[in-house]
Structure formats: C-alpha cells, structure tokens
Amino acid sequence: MKHHMKRKIFNKLVRDKIPELLDKNGGETETEVLDNKKYIIFLAKKLREECEEIISAGSKQNLTEELADLVEVIRAISKVNDIDFMEIENIRLAKKEKYGGFEHKILLKSSNAVNKI
C-alpha cells in the first residue's frame, strides 16, 4: 500500500522528462499537453521564472545552470513562433556590431537625442 503523501500543485511548464522521472521515484503525476495558445502563455511564465532564478542564483554553478535553463526557454519560444534560433544569433551579432554590447557597463543617465538613434 502506498503512503498518502500530500500533493503539491505546480501548474507550471516543465521539461519533457520531468513527469517520467517523478513517476520513477514513486510519484503519481498529473499532466496536460498544452495547445499552442496555452503553451505560449506558460512559456512566458517560465521565462519570468527563469529570470527570477538568475537574479537570485547564489553561486557561479547555480547561475550557469539557470542561464542554460533560460536559453532552453528562449529556444522553445523561438520554435513555437517559427523563428530559427540562428536567425536570433545573427540579429544579436548585427545589433552588437551596430550598437555595441554591454561590456563597457555604461549607465545612460540622460540625453536629449533619444529619438535620433
């Protein structure tokens, strides 16, 4: 007889193998396969979740893992919107060439030429 453990409600998007791994560890999971409309909504929530986890990462290792999770979410958002991930990288590089990156740590305090760029 299985013990009756309290169920935790998640209602969040998880990686594809998570339910299987939970079940292998004695869990009984309830899942739903989302349609694209709901999937996009839950990807946006996941994006916010990963950003918060990056902000609160306590170590370099944890930060590295959270950044990897963020990239995976970005790839999923790209795919569901039929955007080639390499196109994103190409646009990133073009913008870096034109506007620079963030390496110089510049804080823009004010300008009267905002609409001139």
N, C-alpha and C. Protein backbone atom coordinates (compact mmCIF):
# COMPACT_ATOMS: atom_id res chain seq x y z
N MET A 1 0.84 -1.19 0.00
CA MET A 1 0.00 0.00 0.00
C MET A 1 0.88 1.25 0.00
N LYS A 2 0.58 2.20 -0.91
CA LYS A 2 1.36 3.43 -0.99
C LYS A 2 0.96 4.38 0.12
N HIS A 3 1.93 5.14 0.62
CA HIS A 3 1.55 6.15 1.61
C HIS A 3 0.84 7.27 0.87
N HIS A 4 0.06 7.96 1.63
CA HIS A 4 -0.65 9.11 1.05
C HIS A 4 0.16 10.35 1.37
N MET A 5 0.91 10.77 0.38
CA MET A 5 1.69 11.99 0.56
C MET A 5 0.85 13.16 0.07
N LYS A 6 1.06 14.30 0.68
CA LYS A 6 0.33 15.50 0.28
C LYS A 6 0.76 15.87 -1.14
N ARG A 7 -0.20 16.13 -1.99
CA ARG A 7 0.09 16.53 -3.37
C ARG A 7 0.49 17.99 -3.40
N LYS A 8 1.51 18.29 -4.16
CA LYS A 8 1.90 19.67 -4.39
C LYS A 8 1.38 20.08 -5.76
N ILE A 9 0.72 21.20 -5.81
CA ILE A 9 0.20 21.72 -7.08
C ILE A 9 1.28 22.59 -7.72
N PHE A 10 1.61 22.28 -8.94
CA PHE A 10 2.64 23.04 -9.66
C PHE A 10 2.04 23.96 -10.71
N ASN A 11 1.22 23.41 -11.60
CA ASN A 11 0.65 24.18 -12.70
C ASN A 11 1.69 25.02 -13.42
N LYS A 12 2.82 24.40 -13.76
CA LYS A 12 3.85 25.12 -14.49
C LYS A 12 4.45 24.22 -15.55
N LEU A 13 4.99 24.84 -16.56
CA LEU A 13 5.64 24.13 -17.65
C LEU A 13 6.93 23.51 -17.12
N VAL A 14 7.14 22.24 -17.44
CA VAL A 14 8.37 21.55 -17.02
C VAL A 14 9.02 20.89 -18.24
N ARG A 15 10.27 20.56 -18.07
CA ARG A 15 11.00 19.84 -19.12
C ARG A 15 10.31 18.50 -19.38
N ASP A 16 10.43 18.02 -20.60
CA ASP A 16 9.68 16.85 -21.08
C ASP A 16 9.83 15.59 -20.24
N LYS A 17 10.99 15.36 -19.66
CA LYS A 17 11.23 14.10 -18.94
C LYS A 17 10.91 14.18 -17.45
N ILE A 18 10.53 15.34 -16.94
CA ILE A 18 10.29 15.52 -15.51
C ILE A 18 9.16 14.61 -15.00
N PRO A 19 7.99 14.54 -15.65
CA PRO A 19 6.93 13.66 -15.13
C PRO A 19 7.38 12.20 -15.04
N GLU A 20 8.08 11.72 -16.04
CA GLU A 20 8.58 10.34 -16.05
C GLU A 20 9.55 10.11 -14.89
N LEU A 21 10.43 11.08 -14.64
CA LEU A 21 11.39 10.95 -13.55
C LEU A 21 10.69 10.96 -12.19
N LEU A 22 9.66 11.79 -12.06
CA LEU A 22 8.89 11.83 -10.80
C LEU A 22 8.19 10.49 -10.58
N ASP A 23 7.59 9.95 -11.64
CA ASP A 23 6.89 8.67 -11.52
C ASP A 23 7.85 7.53 -11.15
N LYS A 24 9.06 7.56 -11.73
CA LYS A 24 10.06 6.53 -11.42
C LYS A 24 10.47 6.60 -9.95
N ASN A 25 10.35 7.77 -9.36
CA ASN A 25 10.70 7.94 -7.95
C ASN A 25 9.50 7.76 -7.04
N GLY A 26 8.47 7.07 -7.53
CA GLY A 26 7.33 6.75 -6.69
C GLY A 26 6.21 7.76 -6.69
N GLY A 27 6.31 8.75 -7.53
CA GLY A 27 5.26 9.77 -7.58
C GLY A 27 4.11 9.34 -8.48
N GLU A 28 3.04 10.02 -8.36
CA GLU A 28 1.89 9.87 -9.26
C GLU A 28 1.61 11.26 -9.79
N THR A 29 2.00 11.50 -11.04
CA THR A 29 1.88 12.84 -11.58
C THR A 29 0.65 12.98 -12.45
N GLU A 30 0.14 14.16 -12.47
CA GLU A 30 -0.97 14.52 -13.36
C GLU A 30 -0.43 15.57 -14.31
N THR A 31 -0.59 15.35 -15.61
CA THR A 31 -0.06 16.28 -16.61
C THR A 31 -1.14 16.61 -17.64
N GLU A 32 -0.84 17.61 -18.43
CA GLU A 32 -1.70 18.01 -19.55
C GLU A 32 -0.78 18.44 -20.68
N VAL A 33 -1.07 18.02 -21.89
CA VAL A 33 -0.33 18.50 -23.04
C VAL A 33 -1.06 19.76 -23.53
N LEU A 34 -0.33 20.87 -23.58
CA LEU A 34 -0.92 22.16 -23.89
C LEU A 34 -1.09 22.37 -25.39
N ASP A 35 -2.12 23.09 -25.76
CA ASP A 35 -2.21 23.55 -27.14
C ASP A 35 -1.27 24.76 -27.27
N ASN A 36 -1.02 25.20 -28.50
CA ASN A 36 -0.04 26.27 -28.70
C ASN A 36 -0.39 27.56 -27.98
N LYS A 37 -1.66 27.89 -27.91
CA LYS A 37 -2.07 29.13 -27.23
C LYS A 37 -1.68 29.09 -25.75
N LYS A 38 -2.03 27.99 -25.07
CA LYS A 38 -1.67 27.84 -23.65
C LYS A 38 -0.15 27.69 -23.49
N TYR A 39 0.47 26.97 -24.41
CA TYR A 39 1.92 26.76 -24.37
C TYR A 39 2.66 28.09 -24.36
N ILE A 40 2.25 29.00 -25.23
CA ILE A 40 2.89 30.33 -25.31
C ILE A 40 2.71 31.09 -24.00
N ILE A 41 1.53 30.99 -23.39
CA ILE A 41 1.28 31.64 -22.11
C ILE A 41 2.19 31.07 -21.02
N PHE A 42 2.30 29.74 -20.97
CA PHE A 42 3.13 29.11 -19.95
C PHE A 42 4.62 29.29 -20.21
N LEU A 43 5.01 29.43 -21.48
CA LEU A 43 6.41 29.76 -21.78
C LEU A 43 6.77 31.14 -21.25
N ALA A 44 5.84 32.09 -21.37
CA ALA A 44 6.08 33.43 -20.84
C ALA A 44 6.26 33.39 -19.32
N LYS A 45 5.43 32.59 -18.65
CA LYS A 45 5.58 32.42 -17.20
C LYS A 45 6.92 31.78 -16.86
N LYS A 46 7.31 30.80 -17.66
CA LYS A 46 8.59 30.11 -17.44
C LYS A 46 9.75 31.08 -17.65
N LEU A 47 9.63 31.95 -18.63
CA LEU A 47 10.65 32.96 -18.90
C LEU A 47 10.84 33.85 -17.67
N ARG A 48 9.72 34.32 -17.10
CA ARG A 48 9.81 35.14 -15.88
C ARG A 48 10.44 34.36 -14.73
N GLU A 49 10.02 33.10 -14.57
CA GLU A 49 10.55 32.24 -13.50
C GLU A 49 12.07 32.09 -13.63
N GLU A 50 12.54 31.81 -14.84
CA GLU A 50 13.97 31.63 -15.05
C GLU A 50 14.73 32.93 -14.81
N CYS A 51 14.17 34.06 -15.20
CA CYS A 51 14.82 35.35 -14.95
C CYS A 51 14.96 35.60 -13.45
N GLU A 52 13.91 35.30 -12.69
CA GLU A 52 13.98 35.45 -11.23
C GLU A 52 15.04 34.53 -10.64
N GLU A 53 15.13 33.31 -11.15
CA GLU A 53 16.12 32.37 -10.64
C GLU A 53 17.54 32.82 -10.96
N ILE A 54 17.72 33.46 -12.11
CA ILE A 54 19.03 34.02 -12.46
C ILE A 54 19.40 35.13 -11.49
N ILE A 55 18.45 36.01 -11.21
CA ILE A 55 18.68 37.13 -10.30
C ILE A 55 19.06 36.64 -8.90
N SER A 56 18.44 35.55 -8.46
CA SER A 56 18.69 35.08 -7.10
C SER A 56 19.69 33.92 -7.01
N ALA A 57 20.34 33.59 -8.12
CA ALA A 57 21.32 32.50 -8.10
C ALA A 57 22.44 32.84 -7.12
N GLY A 58 22.75 31.90 -6.24
CA GLY A 58 23.71 32.18 -5.18
C GLY A 58 25.16 31.84 -5.50
N SER A 59 25.39 31.09 -6.55
CA SER A 59 26.75 30.65 -6.86
C SER A 59 26.96 30.68 -8.37
N LYS A 60 28.20 30.63 -8.78
CA LYS A 60 28.53 30.60 -10.21
C LYS A 60 27.92 29.37 -10.86
N GLN A 61 28.00 28.21 -10.19
CA GLN A 61 27.45 26.97 -10.74
C GLN A 61 25.94 27.10 -10.92
N ASN A 62 25.25 27.62 -9.91
CA ASN A 62 23.81 27.79 -9.99
C ASN A 62 23.44 28.79 -11.08
N LEU A 63 24.18 29.88 -11.17
CA LEU A 63 23.94 30.88 -12.21
C LEU A 63 24.12 30.27 -13.59
N THR A 64 25.15 29.45 -13.76
CA THR A 64 25.41 28.80 -15.05
C THR A 64 24.24 27.90 -15.43
N GLU A 65 23.73 27.14 -14.47
CA GLU A 65 22.59 26.26 -14.74
C GLU A 65 21.33 27.05 -15.08
N GLU A 66 21.09 28.14 -14.35
CA GLU A 66 19.91 28.96 -14.61
C GLU A 66 20.00 29.64 -15.98
N LEU A 67 21.19 30.07 -16.36
CA LEU A 67 21.37 30.66 -17.69
C LEU A 67 21.08 29.63 -18.78
N ALA A 68 21.51 28.39 -18.55
CA ALA A 68 21.23 27.31 -19.50
C ALA A 68 19.73 27.07 -19.61
N ASP A 69 19.02 27.11 -18.47
CA ASP A 69 17.56 26.96 -18.49
C ASP A 69 16.91 28.10 -19.28
N LEU A 70 17.42 29.32 -19.08
CA LEU A 70 16.87 30.47 -19.81
C LEU A 70 17.04 30.29 -21.32
N VAL A 71 18.21 29.83 -21.74
CA VAL A 71 18.45 29.60 -23.17
C VAL A 71 17.47 28.54 -23.71
N GLU A 72 17.22 27.50 -22.92
CA GLU A 72 16.27 26.47 -23.36
C GLU A 72 14.87 27.04 -23.54
N VAL A 73 14.46 27.91 -22.63
CA VAL A 73 13.14 28.55 -22.74
C VAL A 73 13.11 29.46 -23.98
N ILE A 74 14.17 30.20 -24.20
CA ILE A 74 14.23 31.08 -25.37
C ILE A 74 14.17 30.25 -26.66
N ARG A 75 14.84 29.13 -26.68
CA ARG A 75 14.78 28.24 -27.86
C ARG A 75 13.36 27.74 -28.09
N ALA A 76 12.65 27.38 -27.01
CA ALA A 76 11.27 26.90 -27.12
C ALA A 76 10.35 28.01 -27.63
N ILE A 77 10.53 29.22 -27.13
CA ILE A 77 9.72 30.36 -27.59
C ILE A 77 9.99 30.61 -29.07
N SER A 78 11.25 30.51 -29.47
CA SER A 78 11.62 30.69 -30.88
C SER A 78 10.92 29.65 -31.74
N LYS A 79 11.01 28.40 -31.32
CA LYS A 79 10.47 27.29 -32.12
C LYS A 79 8.96 27.40 -32.29
N VAL A 80 8.25 27.67 -31.20
CA VAL A 80 6.78 27.74 -31.29
C VAL A 80 6.33 28.92 -32.15
N ASN A 81 7.19 29.93 -32.27
CA ASN A 81 6.89 31.08 -33.12
C ASN A 81 7.54 30.97 -34.50
N ASP A 82 8.07 29.78 -34.82
CA ASP A 82 8.68 29.50 -36.11
C ASP A 82 9.81 30.48 -36.44
N ILE A 83 10.65 30.73 -35.44
CA ILE A 83 11.82 31.59 -35.61
C ILE A 83 13.05 30.70 -35.45
N ASP A 84 13.91 30.72 -36.46
CA ASP A 84 15.15 29.95 -36.43
C ASP A 84 16.07 30.56 -35.37
N PHE A 85 16.55 29.74 -34.46
CA PHE A 85 17.41 30.23 -33.37
C PHE A 85 18.67 30.90 -33.93
N MET A 86 19.18 30.40 -35.05
CA MET A 86 20.37 31.02 -35.66
C MET A 86 20.06 32.41 -36.19
N GLU A 87 18.82 32.64 -36.58
CA GLU A 87 18.43 33.99 -37.01
C GLU A 87 18.53 34.96 -35.83
N ILE A 88 18.14 34.50 -34.66
CA ILE A 88 18.27 35.32 -33.45
C ILE A 88 19.73 35.67 -33.20
N GLU A 89 20.58 34.66 -33.32
CA GLU A 89 22.01 34.89 -33.11
C GLU A 89 22.58 35.86 -34.13
N ASN A 90 22.16 35.73 -35.38
CA ASN A 90 22.62 36.65 -36.42
C ASN A 90 22.18 38.09 -36.14
N ILE A 91 20.94 38.26 -35.69
CA ILE A 91 20.44 39.59 -35.35
C ILE A 91 21.18 40.13 -34.14
N ARG A 92 21.44 39.26 -33.16
CA ARG A 92 22.21 39.68 -31.98
C ARG A 92 23.57 40.22 -32.40
N LEU A 93 24.25 39.50 -33.28
CA LEU A 93 25.57 39.92 -33.73
C LEU A 93 25.51 41.23 -34.52
N ALA A 94 24.49 41.37 -35.36
CA ALA A 94 24.34 42.61 -36.14
C ALA A 94 24.08 43.80 -35.21
N LYS A 95 23.23 43.60 -34.21
CA LYS A 95 22.96 44.68 -33.25
C LYS A 95 24.21 45.02 -32.44
N LYS A 96 24.97 43.99 -32.09
CA LYS A 96 26.20 44.24 -31.34
C LYS A 96 27.17 45.04 -32.18
N GLU A 97 27.25 44.70 -33.47
CA GLU A 97 28.13 45.44 -34.39
C GLU A 97 27.69 46.90 -34.49
N LYS A 98 26.38 47.13 -34.61
CA LYS A 98 25.87 48.50 -34.81
C LYS A 98 25.83 49.31 -33.51
N TYR A 99 25.39 48.68 -32.42
CA TYR A 99 25.16 49.42 -31.18
C TYR A 99 26.12 49.06 -30.05
N GLY A 100 26.90 47.99 -30.24
CA GLY A 100 27.78 47.52 -29.19
C GLY A 100 27.07 46.52 -28.30
N GLY A 101 27.83 45.99 -27.34
CA GLY A 101 27.27 45.04 -26.38
C GLY A 101 27.07 45.75 -25.05
N PHE A 102 27.31 45.04 -23.97
CA PHE A 102 27.17 45.62 -22.63
C PHE A 102 28.46 45.52 -21.83
N GLU A 103 29.57 45.25 -22.53
CA GLU A 103 30.85 45.02 -21.86
C GLU A 103 31.37 46.25 -21.13
N HIS A 104 31.04 47.44 -21.60
CA HIS A 104 31.61 48.66 -21.02
C HIS A 104 30.82 49.18 -19.82
N LYS A 105 29.75 48.48 -19.47
CA LYS A 105 28.98 48.76 -18.24
C LYS A 105 28.46 50.19 -18.18
N ILE A 106 27.98 50.71 -19.30
CA ILE A 106 27.56 52.11 -19.40
C ILE A 106 26.12 52.27 -18.90
N LEU A 107 25.92 53.18 -17.95
CA LEU A 107 24.60 53.57 -17.49
C LEU A 107 24.26 54.89 -18.14
N LEU A 108 23.24 54.92 -18.99
CA LEU A 108 22.81 56.16 -19.63
C LEU A 108 21.92 56.91 -18.66
N LYS A 109 22.36 58.07 -18.23
CA LYS A 109 21.60 58.84 -17.24
C LYS A 109 20.60 59.76 -17.90
N SER A 110 20.97 60.41 -18.99
CA SER A 110 20.02 61.26 -19.70
C SER A 110 20.56 61.61 -21.07
N SER A 111 19.67 62.05 -21.95
CA SER A 111 20.06 62.51 -23.28
C SER A 111 18.88 63.25 -23.88
N ASN A 112 19.16 64.24 -24.69
CA ASN A 112 18.08 64.90 -25.42
C ASN A 112 18.00 64.39 -26.85
N ALA A 113 18.72 63.30 -27.14
CA ALA A 113 18.79 62.75 -28.50
C ALA A 113 18.23 61.33 -28.58
N VAL A 114 17.29 61.00 -27.71
CA VAL A 114 16.79 59.63 -27.64
C VAL A 114 16.21 59.15 -28.96
N ASN A 115 15.47 59.99 -29.65
CA ASN A 115 14.82 59.58 -30.90
C ASN A 115 15.74 59.70 -32.11
N LYS A 116 16.99 59.99 -31.91
CA LYS A 116 17.93 60.17 -33.02
C LYS A 116 18.64 58.87 -33.42
N ILE A 117 18.53 57.82 -32.62
CA ILE A 117 19.27 56.59 -32.91
C ILE A 117 18.53 55.77 -33.95
